[in-house]
mmCIF file of all heavy atoms, coordinates in Angstrom:
data_MODEL
# 
_entry.id   MODEL 
# 
loop_
_atom_site.group_PDB 
_atom_site.id 
_atom_site.type_symbol 
_atom_site.label_atom_id 
_atom_site.label_alt_id 
_atom_site.label_comp_id 
_atom_site.label_asym_id 
_atom_site.label_entity_id 
_atom_site.label_seq_id 
_atom_site.pdbx_PDB_ins_code 
_atom_site.Cartn_x 
_atom_site.Cartn_y 
_atom_site.Cartn_z 
_atom_site.occupancy 
_atom_site.B_iso_or_equiv 
_atom_site.pdbx_formal_charge 
_atom_site.auth_seq_id 
_atom_site.auth_comp_id 
_atom_site.auth_asym_id 
_atom_site.auth_atom_id 
_atom_site.pdbx_PDB_model_num 
ATOM 1   N N   . ASP A 1 1  ? 227.343 42.760 126.089 1.00 0.00 ? 1  ASP A N   1 
ATOM 2   C CA  . ASP A 1 1  ? 226.843 44.107 125.684 1.00 0.00 ? 1  ASP A CA  1 
ATOM 3   C C   . ASP A 1 1  ? 225.320 44.203 125.949 1.00 0.00 ? 1  ASP A C   1 
ATOM 4   O O   . ASP A 1 1  ? 224.817 45.240 126.401 1.00 0.00 ? 1  ASP A O   1 
ATOM 5   C CB  . ASP A 1 1  ? 227.145 44.385 124.227 1.00 0.00 ? 1  ASP A CB  1 
ATOM 6   C CG  . ASP A 1 1  ? 228.634 44.488 124.002 1.00 0.00 ? 1  ASP A CG  1 
ATOM 7   O OD1 . ASP A 1 1  ? 229.344 45.047 124.839 1.00 0.00 ? 1  ASP A OD1 1 
ATOM 8   O OD2 . ASP A 1 1  ? 229.090 44.046 122.900 1.00 0.00 ? 1  ASP A OD2 1 
ATOM 9   N N   . VAL A 1 2  ? 224.624 43.113 125.673 1.00 0.00 ? 2  VAL A N   1 
ATOM 10  C CA  . VAL A 1 2  ? 223.200 43.075 125.888 1.00 0.00 ? 2  VAL A CA  1 
ATOM 11  C C   . VAL A 1 2  ? 222.856 43.230 127.408 1.00 0.00 ? 2  VAL A C   1 
ATOM 12  O O   . VAL A 1 2  ? 222.033 44.008 127.801 1.00 0.00 ? 2  VAL A O   1 
ATOM 13  C CB  . VAL A 1 2  ? 222.530 41.768 125.351 1.00 0.00 ? 2  VAL A CB  1 
ATOM 14  C CG1 . VAL A 1 2  ? 221.080 41.663 125.733 1.00 0.00 ? 2  VAL A CG1 1 
ATOM 15  C CG2 . VAL A 1 2  ? 222.658 41.687 123.843 1.00 0.00 ? 2  VAL A CG2 1 
ATOM 16  N N   . VAL A 1 3  ? 223.639 42.519 128.180 1.00 0.00 ? 3  VAL A N   1 
ATOM 17  C CA  . VAL A 1 3  ? 223.467 42.589 129.667 1.00 0.00 ? 3  VAL A CA  1 
ATOM 18  C C   . VAL A 1 3  ? 223.717 43.953 130.189 1.00 0.00 ? 3  VAL A C   1 
ATOM 19  O O   . VAL A 1 3  ? 222.909 44.510 130.942 1.00 0.00 ? 3  VAL A O   1 
ATOM 20  C CB  . VAL A 1 3  ? 224.383 41.596 130.357 1.00 0.00 ? 3  VAL A CB  1 
ATOM 21  C CG1 . VAL A 1 3  ? 224.399 41.835 131.872 1.00 0.00 ? 3  VAL A CG1 1 
ATOM 22  C CG2 . VAL A 1 3  ? 223.935 40.154 130.103 1.00 0.00 ? 3  VAL A CG2 1 
ATOM 23  N N   . ALA A 1 4  ? 224.761 44.637 129.681 1.00 0.00 ? 4  ALA A N   1 
ATOM 24  C CA  . ALA A 1 4  ? 225.098 45.999 130.176 1.00 0.00 ? 4  ALA A CA  1 
ATOM 25  C C   . ALA A 1 4  ? 223.997 46.969 129.792 1.00 0.00 ? 4  ALA A C   1 
ATOM 26  O O   . ALA A 1 4  ? 223.580 47.818 130.577 1.00 0.00 ? 4  ALA A O   1 
ATOM 27  C CB  . ALA A 1 4  ? 226.427 46.404 129.590 1.00 0.00 ? 4  ALA A CB  1 
ATOM 28  N N   . LEU A 1 5  ? 223.506 46.857 128.584 1.00 0.00 ? 5  LEU A N   1 
ATOM 29  C CA  . LEU A 1 5  ? 222.408 47.759 128.099 1.00 0.00 ? 5  LEU A CA  1 
ATOM 30  C C   . LEU A 1 5  ? 221.150 47.535 128.859 1.00 0.00 ? 5  LEU A C   1 
ATOM 31  O O   . LEU A 1 5  ? 220.484 48.431 129.316 1.00 0.00 ? 5  LEU A O   1 
ATOM 32  C CB  . LEU A 1 5  ? 222.201 47.576 126.598 1.00 0.00 ? 5  LEU A CB  1 
ATOM 33  C CG  . LEU A 1 5  ? 221.147 48.429 125.913 1.00 0.00 ? 5  LEU A CG  1 
ATOM 34  C CD1 . LEU A 1 5  ? 221.555 49.923 126.048 1.00 0.00 ? 5  LEU A CD1 1 
ATOM 35  C CD2 . LEU A 1 5  ? 220.953 48.063 124.449 1.00 0.00 ? 5  LEU A CD2 1 
ATOM 36  N N   . ALA A 1 6  ? 220.807 46.236 129.096 1.00 0.00 ? 6  ALA A N   1 
ATOM 37  C CA  . ALA A 1 6  ? 219.592 45.954 129.848 1.00 0.00 ? 6  ALA A CA  1 
ATOM 38  C C   . ALA A 1 6  ? 219.675 46.395 131.262 1.00 0.00 ? 6  ALA A C   1 
ATOM 39  O O   . ALA A 1 6  ? 218.667 46.897 131.824 1.00 0.00 ? 6  ALA A O   1 
ATOM 40  C CB  . ALA A 1 6  ? 219.263 44.423 129.710 1.00 0.00 ? 6  ALA A CB  1 
ATOM 41  N N   . GLN A 1 7  ? 220.766 46.169 131.909 1.00 0.00 ? 7  GLN A N   1 
ATOM 42  C CA  . GLN A 1 7  ? 220.951 46.570 133.280 1.00 0.00 ? 7  GLN A CA  1 
ATOM 43  C C   . GLN A 1 7  ? 220.794 48.111 133.486 1.00 0.00 ? 7  GLN A C   1 
ATOM 44  O O   . GLN A 1 7  ? 220.221 48.562 134.445 1.00 0.00 ? 7  GLN A O   1 
ATOM 45  C CB  . GLN A 1 7  ? 222.316 46.092 133.820 1.00 0.00 ? 7  GLN A CB  1 
ATOM 46  C CG  . GLN A 1 7  ? 222.324 44.638 134.205 1.00 0.00 ? 7  GLN A CG  1 
ATOM 47  C CD  . GLN A 1 7  ? 223.664 44.268 134.839 1.00 0.00 ? 7  GLN A CD  1 
ATOM 48  O OE1 . GLN A 1 7  ? 224.739 44.745 134.415 1.00 0.00 ? 7  GLN A OE1 1 
ATOM 49  N NE2 . GLN A 1 7  ? 223.627 43.369 135.790 1.00 0.00 ? 7  GLN A NE2 1 
ATOM 50  N N   . SER A 1 8  ? 221.249 48.822 132.483 1.00 0.00 ? 8  SER A N   1 
ATOM 51  C CA  . SER A 1 8  ? 221.103 50.284 132.612 1.00 0.00 ? 8  SER A CA  1 
ATOM 52  C C   . SER A 1 8  ? 219.673 50.778 132.405 1.00 0.00 ? 8  SER A C   1 
ATOM 53  O O   . SER A 1 8  ? 219.416 51.948 132.705 1.00 0.00 ? 8  SER A O   1 
ATOM 54  C CB  . SER A 1 8  ? 221.996 50.928 131.474 1.00 0.00 ? 8  SER A CB  1 
ATOM 55  O OG  . SER A 1 8  ? 221.411 50.795 130.192 1.00 0.00 ? 8  SER A OG  1 
ATOM 56  N N   . ALA A 1 9  ? 218.837 49.859 131.969 1.00 0.00 ? 9  ALA A N   1 
ATOM 57  C CA  . ALA A 1 9  ? 217.430 50.228 131.700 1.00 0.00 ? 9  ALA A CA  1 
ATOM 58  C C   . ALA A 1 9  ? 216.415 49.410 132.456 1.00 0.00 ? 9  ALA A C   1 
ATOM 59  O O   . ALA A 1 9  ? 215.263 49.446 132.090 1.00 0.00 ? 9  ALA A O   1 
ATOM 60  C CB  . ALA A 1 9  ? 217.217 50.110 130.170 1.00 0.00 ? 9  ALA A CB  1 
ATOM 61  N N   . LYS A 1 10 ? 216.850 48.725 133.521 1.00 0.00 ? 10 LYS A N   1 
ATOM 62  C CA  . LYS A 1 10 ? 215.916 47.822 134.228 1.00 0.00 ? 10 LYS A CA  1 
ATOM 63  C C   . LYS A 1 10 ? 214.797 48.592 134.872 1.00 0.00 ? 10 LYS A C   1 
ATOM 64  O O   . LYS A 1 10 ? 213.670 48.092 134.890 1.00 0.00 ? 10 LYS A O   1 
ATOM 65  C CB  . LYS A 1 10 ? 216.719 47.018 135.256 1.00 0.00 ? 10 LYS A CB  1 
ATOM 66  C CG  . LYS A 1 10 ? 215.906 45.868 135.809 1.00 0.00 ? 10 LYS A CG  1 
ATOM 67  C CD  . LYS A 1 10 ? 216.770 44.904 136.594 1.00 0.00 ? 10 LYS A CD  1 
ATOM 68  C CE  . LYS A 1 10 ? 217.273 45.530 137.879 1.00 0.00 ? 10 LYS A CE  1 
ATOM 69  N NZ  . LYS A 1 10 ? 217.908 44.508 138.812 1.00 0.00 ? 10 LYS A NZ  1 
ATOM 70  N N   . GLY A 1 11 ? 215.041 49.765 135.361 1.00 0.00 ? 11 GLY A N   1 
ATOM 71  C CA  . GLY A 1 11 ? 213.952 50.569 135.968 1.00 0.00 ? 11 GLY A CA  1 
ATOM 72  C C   . GLY A 1 11 ? 213.281 49.921 137.135 1.00 0.00 ? 11 GLY A C   1 
ATOM 73  O O   . GLY A 1 11 ? 213.937 49.142 137.905 1.00 0.00 ? 11 GLY A O   1 
ATOM 74  N N   . GLU A 1 12 ? 212.032 50.247 137.377 1.00 0.00 ? 12 GLU A N   1 
ATOM 75  C CA  . GLU A 1 12 ? 211.287 49.752 138.507 1.00 0.00 ? 12 GLU A CA  1 
ATOM 76  C C   . GLU A 1 12 ? 211.127 48.261 138.502 1.00 0.00 ? 12 GLU A C   1 
ATOM 77  O O   . GLU A 1 12 ? 211.250 47.605 139.548 1.00 0.00 ? 12 GLU A O   1 
ATOM 78  C CB  . GLU A 1 12 ? 209.946 50.466 138.565 1.00 0.00 ? 12 GLU A CB  1 
ATOM 79  C CG  . GLU A 1 12 ? 209.154 50.068 139.812 1.00 0.00 ? 12 GLU A CG  1 
ATOM 80  C CD  . GLU A 1 12 ? 207.728 50.681 139.765 1.00 0.00 ? 12 GLU A CD  1 
ATOM 81  O OE1 . GLU A 1 12 ? 207.469 51.534 138.894 1.00 0.00 ? 12 GLU A OE1 1 
ATOM 82  O OE2 . GLU A 1 12 ? 206.920 50.403 140.674 1.00 0.00 ? 12 GLU A OE2 1 
ATOM 83  N N   . ASP A 1 13 ? 210.793 47.698 137.399 1.00 0.00 ? 13 ASP A N   1 
ATOM 84  C CA  . ASP A 1 13 ? 210.728 46.220 137.220 1.00 0.00 ? 13 ASP A CA  1 
ATOM 85  C C   . ASP A 1 13 ? 209.809 45.618 138.302 1.00 0.00 ? 13 ASP A C   1 
ATOM 86  O O   . ASP A 1 13 ? 210.239 44.723 139.062 1.00 0.00 ? 13 ASP A O   1 
ATOM 87  C CB  . ASP A 1 13 ? 212.108 45.593 137.224 1.00 0.00 ? 13 ASP A CB  1 
ATOM 88  C CG  . ASP A 1 13 ? 212.087 44.131 136.657 1.00 0.00 ? 13 ASP A CG  1 
ATOM 89  O OD1 . ASP A 1 13 ? 211.171 43.845 135.918 1.00 0.00 ? 13 ASP A OD1 1 
ATOM 90  O OD2 . ASP A 1 13 ? 213.038 43.413 136.997 1.00 0.00 ? 13 ASP A OD2 1 
ATOM 91  N N   . ARG A 1 14 ? 208.585 45.997 138.323 1.00 0.00 ? 14 ARG A N   1 
ATOM 92  C CA  . ARG A 1 14 ? 207.649 45.609 139.397 1.00 0.00 ? 14 ARG A CA  1 
ATOM 93  C C   . ARG A 1 14 ? 207.487 44.115 139.551 1.00 0.00 ? 14 ARG A C   1 
ATOM 94  O O   . ARG A 1 14 ? 207.431 43.578 140.675 1.00 0.00 ? 14 ARG A O   1 
ATOM 95  C CB  . ARG A 1 14 ? 206.271 46.264 139.118 1.00 0.00 ? 14 ARG A CB  1 
ATOM 96  C CG  . ARG A 1 14 ? 205.207 45.881 140.116 1.00 0.00 ? 14 ARG A CG  1 
ATOM 97  C CD  . ARG A 1 14 ? 203.897 46.541 139.697 1.00 0.00 ? 14 ARG A CD  1 
ATOM 98  N NE  . ARG A 1 14 ? 202.784 46.116 140.569 1.00 0.00 ? 14 ARG A NE  1 
ATOM 99  C CZ  . ARG A 1 14 ? 201.509 46.379 140.298 1.00 0.00 ? 14 ARG A CZ  1 
ATOM 100 N NH1 . ARG A 1 14 ? 201.209 47.132 139.195 1.00 0.00 ? 14 ARG A NH1 1 
ATOM 101 N NH2 . ARG A 1 14 ? 200.571 45.963 141.091 1.00 0.00 ? 14 ARG A NH2 1 
ATOM 102 N N   . PHE A 1 15 ? 207.394 43.348 138.435 1.00 0.00 ? 15 PHE A N   1 
ATOM 103 C CA  . PHE A 1 15 ? 207.183 41.951 138.523 1.00 0.00 ? 15 PHE A CA  1 
ATOM 104 C C   . PHE A 1 15 ? 208.457 41.095 138.251 1.00 0.00 ? 15 PHE A C   1 
ATOM 105 O O   . PHE A 1 15 ? 208.418 39.917 138.221 1.00 0.00 ? 15 PHE A O   1 
ATOM 106 C CB  . PHE A 1 15 ? 206.127 41.506 137.486 1.00 0.00 ? 15 PHE A CB  1 
ATOM 107 C CG  . PHE A 1 15 ? 204.767 42.106 137.724 1.00 0.00 ? 15 PHE A CG  1 
ATOM 108 C CD1 . PHE A 1 15 ? 204.308 43.152 136.900 1.00 0.00 ? 15 PHE A CD1 1 
ATOM 109 C CD2 . PHE A 1 15 ? 204.020 41.669 138.771 1.00 0.00 ? 15 PHE A CD2 1 
ATOM 110 C CE1 . PHE A 1 15 ? 203.059 43.715 137.157 1.00 0.00 ? 15 PHE A CE1 1 
ATOM 111 C CE2 . PHE A 1 15 ? 202.746 42.235 139.000 1.00 0.00 ? 15 PHE A CE2 1 
ATOM 112 C CZ  . PHE A 1 15 ? 202.280 43.251 138.240 1.00 0.00 ? 15 PHE A CZ  1 
ATOM 113 N N   . GLY A 1 16 ? 209.621 41.806 138.103 1.00 0.00 ? 16 GLY A N   1 
ATOM 114 C CA  . GLY A 1 16 ? 210.857 41.098 137.955 1.00 0.00 ? 16 GLY A CA  1 
ATOM 115 C C   . GLY A 1 16 ? 211.121 40.549 136.561 1.00 0.00 ? 16 GLY A C   1 
ATOM 116 O O   . GLY A 1 16 ? 212.070 39.723 136.368 1.00 0.00 ? 16 GLY A O   1 
ATOM 117 N N   . TYR A 1 17 ? 210.332 40.924 135.546 1.00 0.00 ? 17 TYR A N   1 
ATOM 118 C CA  . TYR A 1 17 ? 210.508 40.368 134.218 1.00 0.00 ? 17 TYR A CA  1 
ATOM 119 C C   . TYR A 1 17 ? 211.809 40.826 133.580 1.00 0.00 ? 17 TYR A C   1 
ATOM 120 O O   . TYR A 1 17 ? 212.444 40.051 132.843 1.00 0.00 ? 17 TYR A O   1 
ATOM 121 C CB  . TYR A 1 17 ? 209.312 40.732 133.325 1.00 0.00 ? 17 TYR A CB  1 
ATOM 122 C CG  . TYR A 1 17 ? 208.002 40.228 133.756 1.00 0.00 ? 17 TYR A CG  1 
ATOM 123 C CD1 . TYR A 1 17 ? 206.861 41.053 133.730 1.00 0.00 ? 17 TYR A CD1 1 
ATOM 124 C CD2 . TYR A 1 17 ? 207.827 38.925 134.217 1.00 0.00 ? 17 TYR A CD2 1 
ATOM 125 C CE1 . TYR A 1 17 ? 205.605 40.556 134.144 1.00 0.00 ? 17 TYR A CE1 1 
ATOM 126 C CE2 . TYR A 1 17 ? 206.607 38.473 134.615 1.00 0.00 ? 17 TYR A CE2 1 
ATOM 127 C CZ  . TYR A 1 17 ? 205.491 39.268 134.604 1.00 0.00 ? 17 TYR A CZ  1 
ATOM 128 O OH  . TYR A 1 17 ? 204.296 38.796 135.057 1.00 0.00 ? 17 TYR A OH  1 
ATOM 129 N N   . ARG A 1 18 ? 212.189 42.036 133.806 1.00 0.00 ? 18 ARG A N   1 
ATOM 130 C CA  . ARG A 1 18 ? 213.441 42.517 133.244 1.00 0.00 ? 18 ARG A CA  1 
ATOM 131 C C   . ARG A 1 18 ? 214.669 41.869 133.878 1.00 0.00 ? 18 ARG A C   1 
ATOM 132 O O   . ARG A 1 18 ? 215.667 41.544 133.217 1.00 0.00 ? 18 ARG A O   1 
ATOM 133 C CB  . ARG A 1 18 ? 213.495 44.030 133.327 1.00 0.00 ? 18 ARG A CB  1 
ATOM 134 C CG  . ARG A 1 18 ? 212.409 44.715 132.516 1.00 0.00 ? 18 ARG A CG  1 
ATOM 135 C CD  . ARG A 1 18 ? 212.552 46.253 132.408 1.00 0.00 ? 18 ARG A CD  1 
ATOM 136 N NE  . ARG A 1 18 ? 211.485 46.834 131.575 1.00 0.00 ? 18 ARG A NE  1 
ATOM 137 C CZ  . ARG A 1 18 ? 211.455 48.090 131.177 1.00 0.00 ? 18 ARG A CZ  1 
ATOM 138 N NH1 . ARG A 1 18 ? 212.477 48.898 131.457 1.00 0.00 ? 18 ARG A NH1 1 
ATOM 139 N NH2 . ARG A 1 18 ? 210.475 48.538 130.465 1.00 0.00 ? 18 ARG A NH2 1 
ATOM 140 N N   . ALA A 1 19 ? 214.614 41.672 135.191 1.00 0.00 ? 19 ALA A N   1 
ATOM 141 C CA  . ALA A 1 19 ? 215.702 40.997 135.842 1.00 0.00 ? 19 ALA A CA  1 
ATOM 142 C C   . ALA A 1 19 ? 215.830 39.542 135.312 1.00 0.00 ? 19 ALA A C   1 
ATOM 143 O O   . ALA A 1 19 ? 216.920 39.012 135.162 1.00 0.00 ? 19 ALA A O   1 
ATOM 144 C CB  . ALA A 1 19 ? 215.490 41.008 137.397 1.00 0.00 ? 19 ALA A CB  1 
ATOM 145 N N   . GLU A 1 20 ? 214.679 38.892 135.113 1.00 0.00 ? 20 GLU A N   1 
ATOM 146 C CA  . GLU A 1 20 ? 214.727 37.602 134.539 1.00 0.00 ? 20 GLU A CA  1 
ATOM 147 C C   . GLU A 1 20 ? 215.343 37.552 133.166 1.00 0.00 ? 20 GLU A C   1 
ATOM 148 O O   . GLU A 1 20 ? 216.134 36.648 132.861 1.00 0.00 ? 20 GLU A O   1 
ATOM 149 C CB  . GLU A 1 20 ? 213.277 37.031 134.488 1.00 0.00 ? 20 GLU A CB  1 
ATOM 150 C CG  . GLU A 1 20 ? 213.148 35.654 133.854 1.00 0.00 ? 20 GLU A CG  1 
ATOM 151 C CD  . GLU A 1 20 ? 211.747 35.245 133.578 1.00 0.00 ? 20 GLU A CD  1 
ATOM 152 O OE1 . GLU A 1 20 ? 211.071 35.987 132.797 1.00 0.00 ? 20 GLU A OE1 1 
ATOM 153 O OE2 . GLU A 1 20 ? 211.294 34.245 134.138 1.00 0.00 ? 20 GLU A OE2 1 
ATOM 154 N N   . PHE A 1 21 ? 215.027 38.561 132.360 1.00 0.00 ? 21 PHE A N   1 
ATOM 155 C CA  . PHE A 1 21 ? 215.610 38.625 131.034 1.00 0.00 ? 21 PHE A CA  1 
ATOM 156 C C   . PHE A 1 21 ? 217.115 38.700 131.124 1.00 0.00 ? 21 PHE A C   1 
ATOM 157 O O   . PHE A 1 21 ? 217.872 38.046 130.336 1.00 0.00 ? 21 PHE A O   1 
ATOM 158 C CB  . PHE A 1 21 ? 215.067 39.858 130.319 1.00 0.00 ? 21 PHE A CB  1 
ATOM 159 C CG  . PHE A 1 21 ? 215.797 40.210 129.048 1.00 0.00 ? 21 PHE A CG  1 
ATOM 160 C CD1 . PHE A 1 21 ? 215.635 39.452 127.889 1.00 0.00 ? 21 PHE A CD1 1 
ATOM 161 C CD2 . PHE A 1 21 ? 216.722 41.242 129.003 1.00 0.00 ? 21 PHE A CD2 1 
ATOM 162 C CE1 . PHE A 1 21 ? 216.317 39.791 126.701 1.00 0.00 ? 21 PHE A CE1 1 
ATOM 163 C CE2 . PHE A 1 21 ? 217.430 41.577 127.824 1.00 0.00 ? 21 PHE A CE2 1 
ATOM 164 C CZ  . PHE A 1 21 ? 217.188 40.814 126.672 1.00 0.00 ? 21 PHE A CZ  1 
ATOM 165 N N   . ILE A 1 22 ? 217.618 39.546 131.984 1.00 0.00 ? 22 ILE A N   1 
ATOM 166 C CA  . ILE A 1 22 ? 219.099 39.718 132.159 1.00 0.00 ? 22 ILE A CA  1 
ATOM 167 C C   . ILE A 1 22 ? 219.718 38.340 132.501 1.00 0.00 ? 22 ILE A C   1 
ATOM 168 O O   . ILE A 1 22 ? 220.760 37.976 131.992 1.00 0.00 ? 22 ILE A O   1 
ATOM 169 C CB  . ILE A 1 22 ? 219.429 40.793 133.218 1.00 0.00 ? 22 ILE A CB  1 
ATOM 170 C CG1 . ILE A 1 22 ? 218.971 42.178 132.650 1.00 0.00 ? 22 ILE A CG1 1 
ATOM 171 C CG2 . ILE A 1 22 ? 220.864 40.830 133.577 1.00 0.00 ? 22 ILE A CG2 1 
ATOM 172 C CD1 . ILE A 1 22 ? 218.994 43.278 133.715 1.00 0.00 ? 22 ILE A CD1 1 
ATOM 173 N N   . ASN A 1 23 ? 219.062 37.604 133.385 1.00 0.00 ? 23 ASN A N   1 
ATOM 174 C CA  . ASN A 1 23 ? 219.577 36.310 133.750 1.00 0.00 ? 23 ASN A CA  1 
ATOM 175 C C   . ASN A 1 23 ? 219.578 35.358 132.576 1.00 0.00 ? 23 ASN A C   1 
ATOM 176 O O   . ASN A 1 23 ? 220.526 34.528 132.424 1.00 0.00 ? 23 ASN A O   1 
ATOM 177 C CB  . ASN A 1 23 ? 218.758 35.747 134.914 1.00 0.00 ? 23 ASN A CB  1 
ATOM 178 C CG  . ASN A 1 23 ? 219.367 34.404 135.428 1.00 0.00 ? 23 ASN A CG  1 
ATOM 179 O OD1 . ASN A 1 23 ? 220.530 34.335 135.812 1.00 0.00 ? 23 ASN A OD1 1 
ATOM 180 N ND2 . ASN A 1 23 ? 218.548 33.388 135.427 1.00 0.00 ? 23 ASN A ND2 1 
ATOM 181 N N   . LEU A 1 24 ? 218.559 35.419 131.749 1.00 0.00 ? 24 LEU A N   1 
ATOM 182 C CA  . LEU A 1 24 ? 218.496 34.557 130.545 1.00 0.00 ? 24 LEU A CA  1 
ATOM 183 C C   . LEU A 1 24 ? 219.675 34.851 129.567 1.00 0.00 ? 24 LEU A C   1 
ATOM 184 O O   . LEU A 1 24 ? 220.237 33.947 129.000 1.00 0.00 ? 24 LEU A O   1 
ATOM 185 C CB  . LEU A 1 24 ? 217.191 34.726 129.849 1.00 0.00 ? 24 LEU A CB  1 
ATOM 186 C CG  . LEU A 1 24 ? 215.905 34.185 130.493 1.00 0.00 ? 24 LEU A CG  1 
ATOM 187 C CD1 . LEU A 1 24 ? 214.687 34.408 129.619 1.00 0.00 ? 24 LEU A CD1 1 
ATOM 188 C CD2 . LEU A 1 24 ? 216.095 32.683 130.771 1.00 0.00 ? 24 LEU A CD2 1 
ATOM 189 N N   . VAL A 1 25 ? 219.968 36.129 129.426 1.00 0.00 ? 25 VAL A N   1 
ATOM 190 C CA  . VAL A 1 25 ? 221.084 36.470 128.585 1.00 0.00 ? 25 VAL A CA  1 
ATOM 191 C C   . VAL A 1 25 ? 222.411 35.866 129.106 1.00 0.00 ? 25 VAL A C   1 
ATOM 192 O O   . VAL A 1 25 ? 223.272 35.377 128.368 1.00 0.00 ? 25 VAL A O   1 
ATOM 193 C CB  . VAL A 1 25 ? 221.221 37.993 128.453 1.00 0.00 ? 25 VAL A CB  1 
ATOM 194 C CG1 . VAL A 1 25 ? 222.434 38.343 127.491 1.00 0.00 ? 25 VAL A CG1 1 
ATOM 195 C CG2 . VAL A 1 25 ? 219.932 38.618 127.879 1.00 0.00 ? 25 VAL A CG2 1 
# 
C-alpha cells in the first residue's frame, strides 16, 4: 500500500530521492 501511494505521488523527482524511497519500501 505504501508503494502504491508513493508511486502515485512521485512527481518530477529531479534527484531520484522518491524513486529510491519506493525501492527501499
